[in-house]
Amino acid sequence: MDEGMMLYRRYLDGDEAAFSELLRIFRDPVTFFVQRYVHDLPAAEDIAIDTFMELIVHPKRYNFKDSLKTYLFMMARSRALDYLRKQKRHPSVPLEDTEETLADAHSLEESVLQNERARRLHCAIAQLPDEQQTAVHLVYFEDQSYEDTARIMKKTRKQVDNMLYRAKKALRELIGEEVGVS
């Protein structure tokens, strides 16, 4: 049983501090993951919080078969796609200044991508097709297995393997052999 599962089990047994610890561990990774889908930091934060609220409101839905991290990413992906569908049907006009939103997104990415090599890699990843970006993010930034990534993305393991192969090949062409994504 992984740490997330143990913390959630403790929360279900009445330990409120365990849920705070879950938030501390998983809030930023889930928010950053959703940000890759919606490209809107405030919306990504809202979707991430909604994902965690699901654990509180419907505690019986998590069955402890997958890791809690995988379950959270599956729920977050589903909510991000719902958000994008809603935005497509009812586009909204942002109230905040666009530059501020971009600055917030940039500061989140800056905290994750600490050095120049990682920034170059991130820029190259941003040029990949969306599904390849998602697969790369889950496997290499979130340490998800190919199987968990396949479940999150609703793909087969072989499809994930092929996406990652094509993504690594494209990254080598974009930034050269010096960055080893293995």
C-alpha atoms as a PDB file:
ATOM      1  CA  MET A   1       0.000   0.000   0.000  1.00  0.00           C
ATOM      2  CA  ASP A   2       1.520   3.345  -1.030  1.00  0.00           C
ATOM      3  CA  GLU A   3       1.730   6.454   1.141  1.00  0.00           C
ATOM      4  CA  GLY A   4      -1.302   8.110  -0.459  1.00  0.00           C
ATOM      5  CA  MET A   5      -3.458   5.061   0.150  1.00  0.00           C
ATOM      6  CA  MET A   6      -2.333   4.851   3.792  1.00  0.00           C
ATOM      7  CA  LEU A   7      -3.020   8.555   4.355  1.00  0.00           C
ATOM      8  CA  TYR A   8      -6.470   8.291   2.801  1.00  0.00           C
ATOM      9  CA  ARG A   9      -7.265   5.214   4.881  1.00  0.00           C
ATOM     10  CA  ARG A  10      -6.210   7.190   8.001  1.00  0.00           C
ATOM     11  CA  TYR A  11      -8.450  10.072   6.901  1.00  0.00           C
ATOM     12  CA  LEU A  12     -11.398   7.685   6.487  1.00  0.00           C
ATOM     13  CA  ASP A  13     -10.691   6.412   9.995  1.00  0.00           C
ATOM     14  CA  GLY A  14     -11.100   9.974  11.337  1.00  0.00           C
ATOM     15  CA  ASP A  15      -7.591  11.501  11.160  1.00  0.00           C
ATOM     16  CA  GLU A  16      -8.225  14.979   9.679  1.00  0.00           C
ATOM     17  CA  ALA A  17      -4.473  15.732   9.594  1.00  0.00           C
ATOM     18  CA  ALA A  18      -3.992  12.879   7.119  1.00  0.00           C
ATOM     19  CA  PHE A  19      -6.082  14.716   4.513  1.00  0.00           C
ATOM     20  CA  SER A  20      -3.978  17.856   4.996  1.00  0.00           C
ATOM     21  CA  GLU A  21      -0.917  15.732   4.329  1.00  0.00           C
ATOM     22  CA  LEU A  22      -2.556  14.327   1.167  1.00  0.00           C
ATOM     23  CA  LEU A  23      -3.131  17.876  -0.035  1.00  0.00           C
ATOM     24  CA  ARG A  24       0.453  18.840   0.730  1.00  0.00           C
ATOM     25  CA  ILE A  25       1.810  15.888  -1.247  1.00  0.00           C
ATOM     26  CA  PHE A  26      -0.532  15.835  -4.253  1.00  0.00           C
ATOM     27  CA  ARG A  27      -1.968  19.361  -4.733  1.00  0.00           C
ATOM     28  CA  ASP A  28       0.873  20.776  -6.850  1.00  0.00           C
ATOM     29  CA  PRO A  29       1.367  17.687  -9.054  1.00  0.00           C
ATOM     30  CA  VAL A  30      -2.381  17.445  -9.755  1.00  0.00           C
ATOM     31  CA  THR A  31      -2.616  21.205 -10.434  1.00  0.00           C
ATOM     32  CA  PHE A  32       0.378  21.115 -12.783  1.00  0.00           C
ATOM     33  CA  PHE A  33      -1.067  18.076 -14.575  1.00  0.00           C
ATOM     34  CA  VAL A  34      -4.438  19.793 -15.086  1.00  0.00           C
ATOM     35  CA  GLN A  35      -2.645  22.981 -16.195  1.00  0.00           C
ATOM     36  CA  ARG A  36      -1.210  21.021 -19.136  1.00  0.00           C
ATOM     37  CA  TYR A  37      -4.757  20.330 -20.305  1.00  0.00           C
ATOM     38  CA  VAL A  38      -6.564  23.603 -19.641  1.00  0.00           C
ATOM     39  CA  HIS A  39      -3.707  26.130 -20.009  1.00  0.00           C
ATOM     40  CA  ASP A  40      -5.348  28.304 -17.338  1.00  0.00           C
ATOM     41  CA  LEU A  41      -3.776  28.285 -13.878  1.00  0.00           C
ATOM     42  CA  PRO A  42      -6.806  29.524 -11.880  1.00  0.00           C
ATOM     43  CA  ALA A  43      -9.026  26.965 -13.619  1.00  0.00           C
ATOM     44  CA  ALA A  44      -6.406  24.248 -13.017  1.00  0.00           C
ATOM     45  CA  GLU A  45      -6.339  25.100  -9.309  1.00  0.00           C
ATOM     46  CA  ASP A  46     -10.149  24.959  -9.140  1.00  0.00           C
ATOM     47  CA  ILE A  47     -10.238  21.612 -10.927  1.00  0.00           C
ATOM     48  CA  ALA A  48      -7.546  20.220  -8.613  1.00  0.00           C
ATOM     49  CA  ILE A  49      -9.513  21.309  -5.533  1.00  0.00           C
ATOM     50  CA  ASP A  50     -12.682  19.761  -7.006  1.00  0.00           C
ATOM     51  CA  THR A  51     -10.736  16.538  -7.473  1.00  0.00           C
ATOM     52  CA  PHE A  52      -9.777  16.492  -3.796  1.00  0.00           C
ATOM     53  CA  MET A  53     -13.330  17.381  -2.779  1.00  0.00           C
ATOM     54  CA  GLU A  54     -14.445  14.202  -4.545  1.00  0.00           C
ATOM     55  CA  LEU A  55     -12.432  12.229  -1.979  1.00  0.00           C
ATOM     56  CA  ILE A  56     -14.309  13.968   0.845  1.00  0.00           C
ATOM     57  CA  VAL A  57     -17.805  13.968  -0.647  1.00  0.00           C
ATOM     58  CA  HIS A  58     -17.737  10.438  -2.094  1.00  0.00           C
ATOM     59  CA  PRO A  59     -15.271   8.428  -0.002  1.00  0.00           C
ATOM     60  CA  LYS A  60     -16.668   5.061  -1.141  1.00  0.00           C
ATOM     61  CA  ARG A  61     -15.809   5.631  -4.822  1.00  0.00           C
ATOM     62  CA  TYR A  62     -12.102   5.008  -4.293  1.00  0.00           C
ATOM     63  CA  ASN A  63     -11.677   1.225  -4.121  1.00  0.00           C
ATOM     64  CA  PHE A  64      -7.953   0.997  -3.181  1.00  0.00           C
ATOM     65  CA  LYS A  65      -7.202  -1.116  -6.276  1.00  0.00           C
ATOM     66  CA  ASP A  66      -5.113   1.584  -8.007  1.00  0.00           C
ATOM     67  CA  SER A  67      -2.725   3.854  -6.161  1.00  0.00           C
ATOM     68  CA  LEU A  68      -4.353   7.019  -4.831  1.00  0.00           C
ATOM     69  CA  LYS A  69      -2.080   9.086  -7.074  1.00  0.00           C
ATOM     70  CA  THR A  70      -3.346   7.231 -10.164  1.00  0.00           C
ATOM     71  CA  TYR A  71      -6.940   7.654  -9.012  1.00  0.00           C
ATOM     72  CA  LEU A  72      -6.425  11.398  -8.451  1.00  0.00           C
ATOM     73  CA  PHE A  73      -4.872  11.838 -11.897  1.00  0.00           C
ATOM     74  CA  MET A  74      -7.706   9.874 -13.525  1.00  0.00           C
ATOM     75  CA  MET A  75     -10.307  12.080 -11.820  1.00  0.00           C
ATOM     76  CA  ALA A  76      -8.350  15.258 -12.602  1.00  0.00           C
ATOM     77  CA  ARG A  77      -8.063  14.310 -16.280  1.00  0.00           C
ATOM     78  CA  SER A  78     -11.775  13.646 -16.473  1.00  0.00           C
ATOM     79  CA  ARG A  79     -12.597  16.983 -14.847  1.00  0.00           C
ATOM     80  CA  ALA A  80     -10.138  18.836 -17.094  1.00  0.00           C
ATOM     81  CA  LEU A  81     -11.729  17.330 -20.198  1.00  0.00           C
ATOM     82  CA  ASP A  82     -15.201  18.249 -18.880  1.00  0.00           C
ATOM     83  CA  TYR A  83     -13.965  21.804 -18.341  1.00  0.00           C
ATOM     84  CA  LEU A  84     -12.589  21.981 -21.895  1.00  0.00           C
ATOM     85  CA  ARG A  85     -15.867  20.676 -23.343  1.00  0.00           C
ATOM     86  CA  LYS A  86     -17.786  23.288 -21.355  1.00  0.00           C
ATOM     87  CA  GLN A  87     -15.408  26.027 -22.494  1.00  0.00           C
ATOM     88  CA  LYS A  88     -15.901  24.972 -26.099  1.00  0.00           C
ATOM     89  CA  ARG A  89     -19.689  25.236 -25.741  1.00  0.00           C
ATOM     90  CA  HIS A  90     -19.666  28.398 -23.618  1.00  0.00           C
ATOM     91  CA  PRO A  91     -16.450  30.350 -24.072  1.00  0.00           C
ATOM     92  CA  SER A  92     -15.841  32.796 -21.264  1.00  0.00           C
ATOM     93  CA  VAL A  93     -14.154  36.157 -21.345  1.00  0.00           C
ATOM     94  CA  PRO A  94     -11.344  36.262 -18.759  1.00  0.00           C
ATOM     95  CA  LEU A  95     -11.773  38.985 -16.161  1.00  0.00           C
ATOM     96  CA  GLU A  96      -8.131  39.043 -15.156  1.00  0.00           C
ATOM     97  CA  ASP A  97      -5.399  40.558 -17.221  1.00  0.00           C
ATOM     98  CA  THR A  98      -4.000  37.848 -19.497  1.00  0.00           C
ATOM     99  CA  GLU A  99      -0.430  38.803 -18.653  1.00  0.00           C
ATOM    100  CA  GLU A 100      -1.081  38.156 -14.951  1.00  0.00           C
ATOM    101  CA  THR A 101      -2.500  34.710 -15.719  1.00  0.00           C
ATOM    102  CA  LEU A 102       0.499  33.897 -17.896  1.00  0.00           C
ATOM    103  CA  ALA A 103       2.819  35.156 -15.176  1.00  0.00           C
ATOM    104  CA  ASP A 104       1.079  32.878 -12.621  1.00  0.00           C
ATOM    105  CA  ALA A 105       1.410  29.888 -14.936  1.00  0.00           C
ATOM    106  CA  HIS A 106       5.040  30.764 -15.603  1.00  0.00           C
ATOM    107  CA  SER A 107       5.810  31.041 -11.875  1.00  0.00           C
ATOM    108  CA  LEU A 108       4.284  27.593 -11.274  1.00  0.00           C
ATOM    109  CA  GLU A 109       6.388  26.120 -14.053  1.00  0.00           C
ATOM    110  CA  GLU A 110       9.471  27.975 -12.786  1.00  0.00           C
ATOM    111  CA  SER A 111       9.115  26.322  -9.400  1.00  0.00           C
ATOM    112  CA  VAL A 112       8.975  22.901 -11.060  1.00  0.00           C
ATOM    113  CA  LEU A 113      11.611  23.486 -13.720  1.00  0.00           C
ATOM    114  CA  GLN A 114      14.637  24.667 -11.750  1.00  0.00           C
ATOM    115  CA  ASN A 115      17.503  24.699 -14.223  1.00  0.00           C
ATOM    116  CA  GLU A 116      18.129  25.710 -17.816  1.00  0.00           C
ATOM    117  CA  ARG A 117      18.314  22.177 -19.166  1.00  0.00           C
ATOM    118  CA  ALA A 118      14.916  21.379 -17.706  1.00  0.00           C
ATOM    119  CA  ARG A 119      13.480  24.598 -19.210  1.00  0.00           C
ATOM    120  CA  ARG A 120      14.749  23.647 -22.666  1.00  0.00           C
ATOM    121  CA  LEU A 121      13.283  20.197 -22.244  1.00  0.00           C
ATOM    122  CA  HIS A 122       9.965  21.699 -21.128  1.00  0.00           C
ATOM    123  CA  CYS A 123       9.854  23.994 -24.176  1.00  0.00           C
ATOM    124  CA  ALA A 124      10.532  21.039 -26.443  1.00  0.00           C
ATOM    125  CA  ILE A 125       7.819  18.998 -24.710  1.00  0.00           C
ATOM    126  CA  ALA A 126       5.367  21.859 -25.277  1.00  0.00           C
ATOM    127  CA  GLN A 127       5.909  21.412 -29.026  1.00  0.00           C
ATOM    128  CA  LEU A 128       4.758  17.774 -28.913  1.00  0.00           C
ATOM    129  CA  PRO A 129       1.158  16.783 -29.663  1.00  0.00           C
ATOM    130  CA  ASP A 130      -1.091  17.000 -26.586  1.00  0.00           C
ATOM    131  CA  GLU A 131      -1.358  13.267 -25.961  1.00  0.00           C
ATOM    132  CA  GLN A 132       2.422  12.829 -26.171  1.00  0.00           C
ATOM    133  CA  GLN A 133       2.854  15.758 -23.760  1.00  0.00           C
ATOM    134  CA  THR A 134       0.482  14.114 -21.304  1.00  0.00           C
ATOM    135  CA  ALA A 135       2.190  10.727 -21.546  1.00  0.00           C
ATOM    136  CA  VAL A 136       5.644  12.277 -21.066  1.00  0.00           C
ATOM    137  CA  HIS A 137       4.416  14.302 -18.101  1.00  0.00           C
ATOM    138  CA  LEU A 138       2.826  11.324 -16.359  1.00  0.00           C
ATOM    139  CA  VAL A 139       5.685   8.902 -16.900  1.00  0.00           C
ATOM    140  CA  TYR A 140       8.710  11.171 -16.460  1.00  0.00           C
ATOM    141  CA  PHE A 141       7.498  13.991 -14.204  1.00  0.00           C
ATOM    142  CA  GLU A 142       4.948  12.126 -12.084  1.00  0.00           C
ATOM    143  CA  ASP A 143       6.730   8.732 -12.076  1.00  0.00           C
ATOM    144  CA  GLN A 144       3.610   6.893 -13.191  1.00  0.00           C
ATOM    145  CA  SER A 145       4.041   3.437 -14.672  1.00  0.00           C
ATOM    146  CA  TYR A 146       3.098   2.779 -18.290  1.00  0.00           C
ATOM    147  CA  GLU A 147       0.090   0.797 -17.039  1.00  0.00           C
ATOM    148  CA  ASP A 148      -1.113   3.621 -14.755  1.00  0.00           C
ATOM    149  CA  THR A 149      -0.532   6.154 -17.529  1.00  0.00           C
ATOM    150  CA  ALA A 150      -2.594   3.996 -19.872  1.00  0.00           C
ATOM    151  CA  ARG A 151      -5.435   3.865 -17.338  1.00  0.00           C
ATOM    152  CA  ILE A 152      -5.307   7.633 -16.771  1.00  0.00           C
ATOM    153  CA  MET A 153      -5.275   8.399 -20.492  1.00  0.00           C
ATOM    154  CA  LYS A 154      -7.783   5.644 -21.348  1.00  0.00           C
ATOM    155  CA  LYS A 155      -5.285   4.026 -23.749  1.00  0.00           C
ATOM    156  CA  THR A 156      -3.623   0.640 -23.973  1.00  0.00           C
ATOM    157  CA  ARG A 157      -0.125   0.128 -22.610  1.00  0.00           C
ATOM    158  CA  LYS A 158       1.120  -0.390 -26.187  1.00  0.00           C
ATOM    159  CA  GLN A 159      -0.390   2.956 -27.270  1.00  0.00           C
ATOM    160  CA  VAL A 160       1.391   4.674 -24.389  1.00  0.00           C
ATOM    161  CA  ASP A 161       4.618   2.903 -25.311  1.00  0.00           C
ATOM    162  CA  ASN A 162       4.258   4.068 -28.940  1.00  0.00           C
ATOM    163  CA  MET A 163       3.429   7.650 -27.881  1.00  0.00           C
ATOM    164  CA  LEU A 164       6.497   7.794 -25.653  1.00  0.00           C
ATOM    165  CA  TYR A 165       8.703   6.331 -28.373  1.00  0.00           C
ATOM    166  CA  ARG A 166       7.532   8.999 -30.838  1.00  0.00           C
ATOM    167  CA  ALA A 167       7.825  11.716 -28.169  1.00  0.00           C
ATOM    168  CA  LYS A 168      11.426  10.756 -27.314  1.00  0.00           C
ATOM    169  CA  LYS A 169      12.331  10.647 -30.999  1.00  0.00           C
ATOM    170  CA  ALA A 170      10.821  14.107 -31.542  1.00  0.00           C
ATOM    171  CA  LEU A 171      12.540  15.491 -28.440  1.00  0.00           C
ATOM    172  CA  ARG A 172      15.911  14.223 -29.649  1.00  0.00           C
ATOM    173  CA  GLU A 173      15.345  16.034 -32.937  1.00  0.00           C
ATOM    174  CA  LEU A 174      14.177  19.223 -31.193  1.00  0.00           C
ATOM    175  CA  ILE A 175      16.923  19.536 -28.594  1.00  0.00           C
ATOM    176  CA  GLY A 176      19.556  17.047 -29.633  1.00  0.00           C
ATOM    177  CA  GLU A 177      20.960  13.920 -28.073  1.00  0.00           C
ATOM    178  CA  GLU A 178      22.349  15.730 -25.006  1.00  0.00           C
ATOM    179  CA  VAL A 179      19.054  15.524 -23.084  1.00  0.00           C
ATOM    180  CA  GLY A 180      18.492  11.913 -22.194  1.00  0.00           C
ATOM    181  CA  VAL A 181      14.832  11.070 -21.738  1.00  0.00           C
ATOM    182  CA  SER A 182      14.945   7.344 -21.138  1.00  0.00           C
END
